[in-house]
Amino acid sequence: MSASPPRLLVTGAGGQLGRRVVELLLEAGASNIVAASRDPSKLADLAARGVETRRVDFDEPAALPAAFAGVERLLLVSTDSLDQPGRRIAQHRAAIAAAQAAGVRHLVYTSAPGARPQAGGGVIDDHFWTEQALAASAIPGWTILRHNLYAELLLMGAGPAVASGALYSAAGGAGRAYVSREDCARIDAAALRQGEGRRILDVSGPAAVTQDEVAALYARLSGKPVTHHALSPDALRQGLLAAGLPSGLVEVLVDFDVAAAEGQHAIVTDVVETLTGQPPVSVETFLEAHRAALV
């Protein structure tokens, strides 16, 4: 009699990344899948496809060990709780402690490039301390996937850049190895099924692209002139605030550009192809597929 397949749990399954991971697992023929969300009602369509659904709220740590019961392999999708300093790292620590208590054998975590401590906290600081908590845990195996910035972020800036003819950044001349959300979901699903040992992997697109190159792509695909203008971090901050973006989002975007200028986002690896058997999509191909967002 063959052993049953390991139970796989995906947190944040109501979000874009987590949901896509569950869909890819189903497409690959995986079974014994658990989709977790603070609101399981959002997962009704997945339940109809045979996926077990569970309520998982990282702000309720006492309930997490039971929510993770029987799970052998768990994907911890980093939360979007950026509204209160310290909240996200507390959530992640609670999830890791609960996974250990529940006997999870392998945990996959979606981190970010250049994870490091930051004075005063921040997005990258959260990832660093989550990585530290995972490394210090007694969970036998884990895979940290340092996702580079999503290529989808380019679509957010494309419209304003094409309309104004100007793309602003504080990334200087440094490149960024943007990776699509689809490629991230593919490698997350692969690592959840196959990951072994304890590894930190940088997840990137096929090349580090500069903002000058991004502006040139915007121009070619839209048929309108677009020029990149390099700013200081403070000038970028003031410009984004003047454009009406929420202050919390502004700080995240400025942090990203500062990290890029330091070279943190320029790491290019073959991790996506190695784990999934398929190379990641390039920025040019991605933008061509989403040309409507530019015009």
Protein backbone atom coordinates (compact mmCIF):
# COMPACT_ATOMS: atom_id res chain seq x y z
CA MET A 1 0.00 0.00 0.00
CA SER A 2 1.54 3.31 -1.10
CA ALA A 3 1.93 6.17 1.33
CA SER A 4 -0.38 9.14 0.87
CA PRO A 5 1.21 12.27 -0.62
CA PRO A 6 2.40 14.91 1.83
CA ARG A 7 -0.15 17.51 2.84
CA LEU A 8 0.78 20.88 1.32
CA LEU A 9 -0.53 24.13 2.81
CA VAL A 10 -0.43 27.53 1.09
CA THR A 11 -1.05 30.63 3.19
CA GLY A 12 -2.51 33.77 1.66
CA ALA A 13 -4.44 31.64 -0.82
CA GLY A 14 -7.01 34.39 -1.21
CA GLY A 15 -4.34 36.67 -2.69
CA GLN A 16 -2.98 36.73 -6.23
CA LEU A 17 0.26 34.85 -5.57
CA GLY A 18 -1.08 32.26 -3.14
CA ARG A 19 -4.12 31.48 -5.28
CA ARG A 20 -1.97 31.01 -8.36
CA VAL A 21 0.34 28.63 -6.46
CA VAL A 22 -2.66 26.49 -5.52
CA GLU A 23 -3.86 26.50 -9.14
CA LEU A 24 -0.42 25.44 -10.37
CA LEU A 25 -0.30 22.63 -7.82
CA LEU A 26 -3.65 21.39 -9.11
CA GLU A 27 -2.47 21.66 -12.72
CA ALA A 28 0.60 19.59 -11.82
CA GLY A 29 -1.61 16.83 -10.42
CA ALA A 30 -0.79 17.43 -6.76
CA SER A 31 -3.30 16.29 -4.17
CA ASN A 32 -3.72 16.74 -0.43
CA ILE A 33 -3.60 20.53 -0.86
CA VAL A 34 -4.74 22.95 1.83
CA ALA A 35 -5.55 26.55 0.89
CA ALA A 36 -5.46 28.90 3.88
CA SER A 37 -6.89 32.39 4.26
CA ARG A 38 -8.27 34.73 6.92
CA ASP A 39 -11.52 34.47 4.95
CA PRO A 40 -12.05 30.94 3.61
CA SER A 41 -15.23 32.07 1.83
CA LYS A 42 -12.90 33.57 -0.79
CA LEU A 43 -11.68 30.05 -1.55
CA ALA A 44 -15.01 28.44 -2.45
CA ASP A 45 -13.97 27.85 -6.06
CA LEU A 46 -10.82 26.05 -4.92
CA ALA A 47 -12.84 23.96 -2.47
CA ALA A 48 -15.07 22.95 -5.38
CA ARG A 49 -11.95 21.57 -7.08
CA GLY A 50 -11.16 19.32 -4.13
CA VAL A 51 -8.86 21.62 -2.17
CA GLU A 52 -9.22 21.62 1.60
CA THR A 53 -9.68 25.14 2.96
CA ARG A 54 -8.78 26.40 6.42
CA ARG A 55 -9.04 29.67 8.27
CA VAL A 56 -5.58 30.98 9.15
CA ASP A 57 -5.14 34.37 10.78
CA PHE A 58 -1.58 35.26 11.80
CA ASP A 59 -2.97 37.80 14.27
CA GLU A 60 -4.43 34.88 16.24
CA PRO A 61 -1.27 32.91 17.10
CA ALA A 62 -2.93 30.60 19.63
CA ALA A 63 -5.10 29.11 16.88
CA LEU A 64 -2.31 28.56 14.36
CA PRO A 65 -0.88 25.19 15.53
CA ALA A 66 -4.30 23.58 15.11
CA ALA A 67 -4.74 25.29 11.73
CA PHE A 68 -1.44 23.77 10.58
CA ALA A 69 -2.15 20.31 12.03
CA GLY A 70 -1.20 17.42 9.76
CA VAL A 71 0.68 19.66 7.33
CA GLU A 72 4.08 18.40 6.20
CA ARG A 73 5.08 21.15 3.75
CA LEU A 74 3.99 24.78 4.10
CA LEU A 75 4.34 27.86 1.91
CA LEU A 76 4.43 31.03 4.01
CA VAL A 77 3.54 33.91 1.70
CA SER A 78 4.73 37.14 3.30
CA THR A 79 1.76 39.21 4.42
CA ASP A 80 0.81 42.69 3.27
CA SER A 81 0.45 44.06 6.81
CA LEU A 82 2.61 47.15 6.39
CA ASP A 83 0.27 49.56 8.17
CA GLN A 84 1.85 49.18 11.61
CA PRO A 85 5.60 48.88 12.26
CA GLY A 86 6.40 45.44 13.66
CA ARG A 87 3.06 43.87 12.80
CA ARG A 88 4.24 41.83 9.85
CA ILE A 89 7.30 40.39 11.57
CA ALA A 90 5.11 39.43 14.54
CA GLN A 91 2.76 37.63 12.16
CA HIS A 92 5.59 35.77 10.46
CA ARG A 93 7.20 34.76 13.75
CA ALA A 94 3.84 33.43 14.95
CA ALA A 95 3.43 31.41 11.77
CA ILE A 96 6.93 29.90 12.04
CA ALA A 97 6.46 29.01 15.71
CA ALA A 98 3.11 27.39 14.92
CA ALA A 99 4.56 25.45 12.00
CA GLN A 100 7.25 24.08 14.30
CA ALA A 101 4.67 23.17 16.94
CA ALA A 102 2.51 21.44 14.34
CA GLY A 103 5.41 19.32 13.09
CA VAL A 104 5.79 20.88 9.63
CA ARG A 105 8.81 19.23 7.93
CA HIS A 106 9.60 21.87 5.30
CA LEU A 107 8.66 25.54 5.13
CA VAL A 108 9.01 27.77 2.07
CA TYR A 109 9.09 31.53 2.66
CA THR A 110 8.70 34.32 0.09
CA SER A 111 11.35 36.89 0.97
CA ALA A 112 13.03 39.74 -0.94
CA PRO A 113 16.49 40.45 -2.38
CA GLY A 114 19.10 41.88 -0.06
CA ALA A 115 17.19 41.09 3.13
CA ARG A 116 18.97 43.00 5.90
CA PRO A 117 18.20 44.91 9.11
CA GLN A 118 17.04 48.51 8.69
CA ALA A 119 17.14 51.24 11.30
CA GLY A 120 13.54 52.01 12.16
CA GLY A 121 12.24 48.88 10.46
CA GLY A 122 10.70 48.57 7.01
CA VAL A 123 9.83 46.05 4.32
CA ILE A 124 13.33 44.60 3.99
CA ASP A 125 13.82 44.59 7.76
CA ASP A 126 10.70 42.42 8.12
CA HIS A 127 12.09 39.91 5.66
CA PHE A 128 15.49 39.82 7.38
CA TRP A 129 14.03 39.05 10.80
CA THR A 130 11.65 36.48 9.33
CA GLU A 131 14.62 34.73 7.74
CA GLN A 132 16.40 34.85 11.09
CA ALA A 133 13.38 33.36 12.87
CA LEU A 134 13.17 30.55 10.34
CA ALA A 135 16.90 29.78 10.59
CA ALA A 136 16.65 29.70 14.39
CA SER A 137 13.63 27.39 14.39
CA ALA A 138 13.68 23.62 14.80
CA ILE A 139 11.82 23.08 11.53
CA PRO A 140 13.93 20.39 9.78
CA GLY A 141 13.97 21.95 6.32
CA TRP A 142 13.26 25.32 4.76
CA THR A 143 13.63 27.19 1.50
CA ILE A 144 13.85 30.98 1.46
CA LEU A 145 12.93 32.36 -1.95
CA ARG A 146 14.10 35.95 -2.33
CA HIS A 147 11.70 37.16 -5.01
CA ASN A 148 12.99 40.14 -6.97
CA LEU A 149 10.48 42.90 -7.68
CA TYR A 150 7.47 41.84 -9.72
CA ALA A 151 7.46 42.83 -13.38
CA GLU A 152 3.84 43.83 -12.71
CA LEU A 153 5.16 46.90 -10.87
CA LEU A 154 6.31 48.20 -14.24
CA LEU A 155 2.68 48.39 -15.33
CA MET A 156 1.86 50.68 -12.40
CA GLY A 157 4.35 53.28 -13.61
CA ALA A 158 3.87 52.78 -17.33
CA GLY A 159 0.74 54.90 -17.79
CA PRO A 160 2.02 58.00 -15.98
CA ALA A 161 5.44 57.69 -17.65
CA VAL A 162 3.98 57.46 -21.15
CA ALA A 163 1.47 60.24 -20.49
CA SER A 164 4.11 62.64 -19.15
CA GLY A 165 7.06 61.45 -21.22
CA ALA A 166 9.11 61.08 -18.04
CA LEU A 167 10.06 58.14 -15.84
CA TYR A 168 11.48 59.10 -12.45
CA SER A 169 13.54 56.90 -10.15
CA ALA A 170 16.22 56.95 -7.47
CA ALA A 171 17.78 53.74 -8.75
CA GLY A 172 20.59 55.57 -10.52
CA GLY A 173 22.10 53.48 -13.27
CA ALA A 174 21.67 50.19 -11.44
CA GLY A 175 19.76 47.30 -12.95
CA ARG A 176 16.88 45.31 -11.53
CA ALA A 177 16.12 41.69 -12.41
CA TYR A 178 12.33 42.01 -12.48
CA VAL A 179 10.49 38.68 -12.34
CA SER A 180 6.84 38.09 -13.20
CA ARG A 181 4.34 37.03 -10.56
CA GLU A 182 3.61 33.95 -12.68
CA ASP A 183 7.27 32.90 -12.57
CA CYS A 184 7.32 33.47 -8.81
CA ALA A 185 4.21 31.33 -8.41
CA ARG A 186 5.80 28.58 -10.51
CA ILE A 187 8.95 28.45 -8.41
CA ASP A 188 6.98 28.70 -5.16
CA ALA A 189 4.89 25.70 -6.18
CA ALA A 190 8.01 23.76 -7.24
CA ALA A 191 9.84 24.53 -3.99
CA LEU A 192 6.79 23.57 -1.94
CA ARG A 193 6.69 20.17 -3.61
CA GLN A 194 10.40 19.48 -4.05
CA GLY A 195 12.42 21.69 -1.70
CA GLU A 196 14.91 19.90 0.53
CA GLY A 197 17.49 20.89 3.11
CA ARG A 198 17.98 24.52 4.08
CA ARG A 199 18.52 26.95 1.23
CA ILE A 200 18.32 30.64 0.40
CA LEU A 201 17.65 31.21 -3.31
CA ASP A 202 17.52 34.48 -5.23
CA VAL A 203 14.58 34.42 -7.66
CA SER A 204 15.15 36.67 -10.65
CA GLY A 205 14.23 37.37 -14.22
CA PRO A 206 16.76 36.62 -16.99
CA ALA A 207 18.54 40.01 -16.88
CA ALA A 208 19.03 43.11 -14.76
CA VAL A 209 17.28 45.97 -16.55
CA THR A 210 18.07 49.65 -15.90
CA GLN A 211 15.45 52.38 -15.71
CA ASP A 212 16.92 53.89 -18.89
CA GLU A 213 16.13 50.58 -20.60
CA VAL A 214 12.64 50.51 -19.08
CA ALA A 215 11.97 54.04 -20.40
CA ALA A 216 13.17 52.97 -23.84
CA LEU A 217 10.79 49.99 -23.79
CA TYR A 218 7.89 52.21 -22.73
CA ALA A 219 8.71 54.52 -25.64
CA ARG A 220 9.02 51.78 -28.25
CA LEU A 221 5.87 49.96 -27.22
CA SER A 222 3.74 53.09 -26.83
CA GLY A 223 5.12 55.00 -29.79
CA LYS A 224 5.64 58.04 -27.56
CA PRO A 225 8.88 59.53 -26.20
CA VAL A 226 9.75 58.55 -22.62
CA THR A 227 12.94 59.64 -20.85
CA HIS A 228 14.31 58.44 -17.55
CA HIS A 229 15.21 61.09 -14.97
CA ALA A 230 17.44 60.09 -12.04
CA LEU A 231 16.46 61.69 -8.73
CA SER A 232 17.74 61.59 -5.18
CA PRO A 233 15.69 59.45 -2.79
CA ASP A 234 14.29 62.55 -1.09
CA ALA A 235 13.33 64.18 -4.39
CA LEU A 236 11.57 60.96 -5.44
CA ARG A 237 9.79 60.84 -2.10
CA GLN A 238 8.53 64.41 -2.45
CA GLY A 239 7.40 63.81 -6.02
CA LEU A 240 5.45 60.68 -5.13
CA LEU A 241 3.79 62.41 -2.19
CA ALA A 242 2.89 65.37 -4.42
CA ALA A 243 1.32 62.89 -6.87
CA GLY A 244 -1.03 61.78 -4.09
CA LEU A 245 0.40 58.36 -3.24
CA PRO A 246 -0.11 57.19 0.37
CA SER A 247 2.91 57.88 2.56
CA GLY A 248 3.36 54.21 3.48
CA LEU A 249 3.49 53.17 -0.17
CA VAL A 250 5.87 56.03 -0.94
CA GLU A 251 8.35 54.80 1.67
CA VAL A 252 8.20 51.28 0.26
CA LEU A 253 8.86 52.52 -3.29
CA VAL A 254 11.73 54.76 -2.20
CA ASP A 255 13.22 51.87 -0.19
CA PHE A 256 13.06 49.69 -3.28
CA ASP A 257 14.94 52.26 -5.38
CA VAL A 258 17.59 52.80 -2.72
CA ALA A 259 18.15 49.04 -2.59
CA ALA A 260 18.36 48.91 -6.38
CA ALA A 261 20.93 51.73 -6.41
CA GLU A 262 23.02 49.66 -3.97
CA GLY A 263 22.96 46.74 -6.42
CA GLN A 264 20.64 44.62 -4.28
CA HIS A 265 18.20 44.02 -7.15
CA ALA A 266 20.77 43.26 -9.86
CA ILE A 267 21.39 39.64 -8.87
CA VAL A 268 20.55 37.35 -11.78
CA THR A 269 20.21 33.60 -11.26
CA ASP A 270 18.95 30.53 -13.12
CA VAL A 271 16.88 29.43 -10.13
CA VAL A 272 13.50 29.70 -11.90
CA GLU A 273 14.59 27.48 -14.78
CA THR A 274 16.48 25.06 -12.51
CA LEU A 275 13.48 24.41 -10.26
CA THR A 276 10.69 24.60 -12.84
CA GLY A 277 12.35 23.52 -16.09
CA GLN A 278 11.17 26.69 -17.82
CA PRO A 279 13.09 30.00 -18.04
CA PRO A 280 11.55 33.18 -16.64
CA VAL A 281 9.95 35.72 -18.98
CA SER A 282 12.01 38.79 -19.88
CA VAL A 283 10.91 42.36 -19.13
CA GLU A 284 10.60 43.05 -22.86
CA THR A 285 8.39 40.02 -23.47
CA PHE A 286 6.32 40.81 -20.38
CA LEU A 287 5.69 44.41 -21.45
CA GLU A 288 4.87 43.34 -25.00
CA ALA A 289 2.24 40.98 -23.59
CA HIS A 290 0.77 43.88 -21.59
CA ARG A 291 1.12 46.52 -24.26
CA ALA A 292 -2.44 47.74 -23.69
CA ALA A 293 -1.36 49.13 -20.31
CA LEU A 294 1.08 51.43 -22.10
CA VAL A 295 -1.22 52.76 -24.81
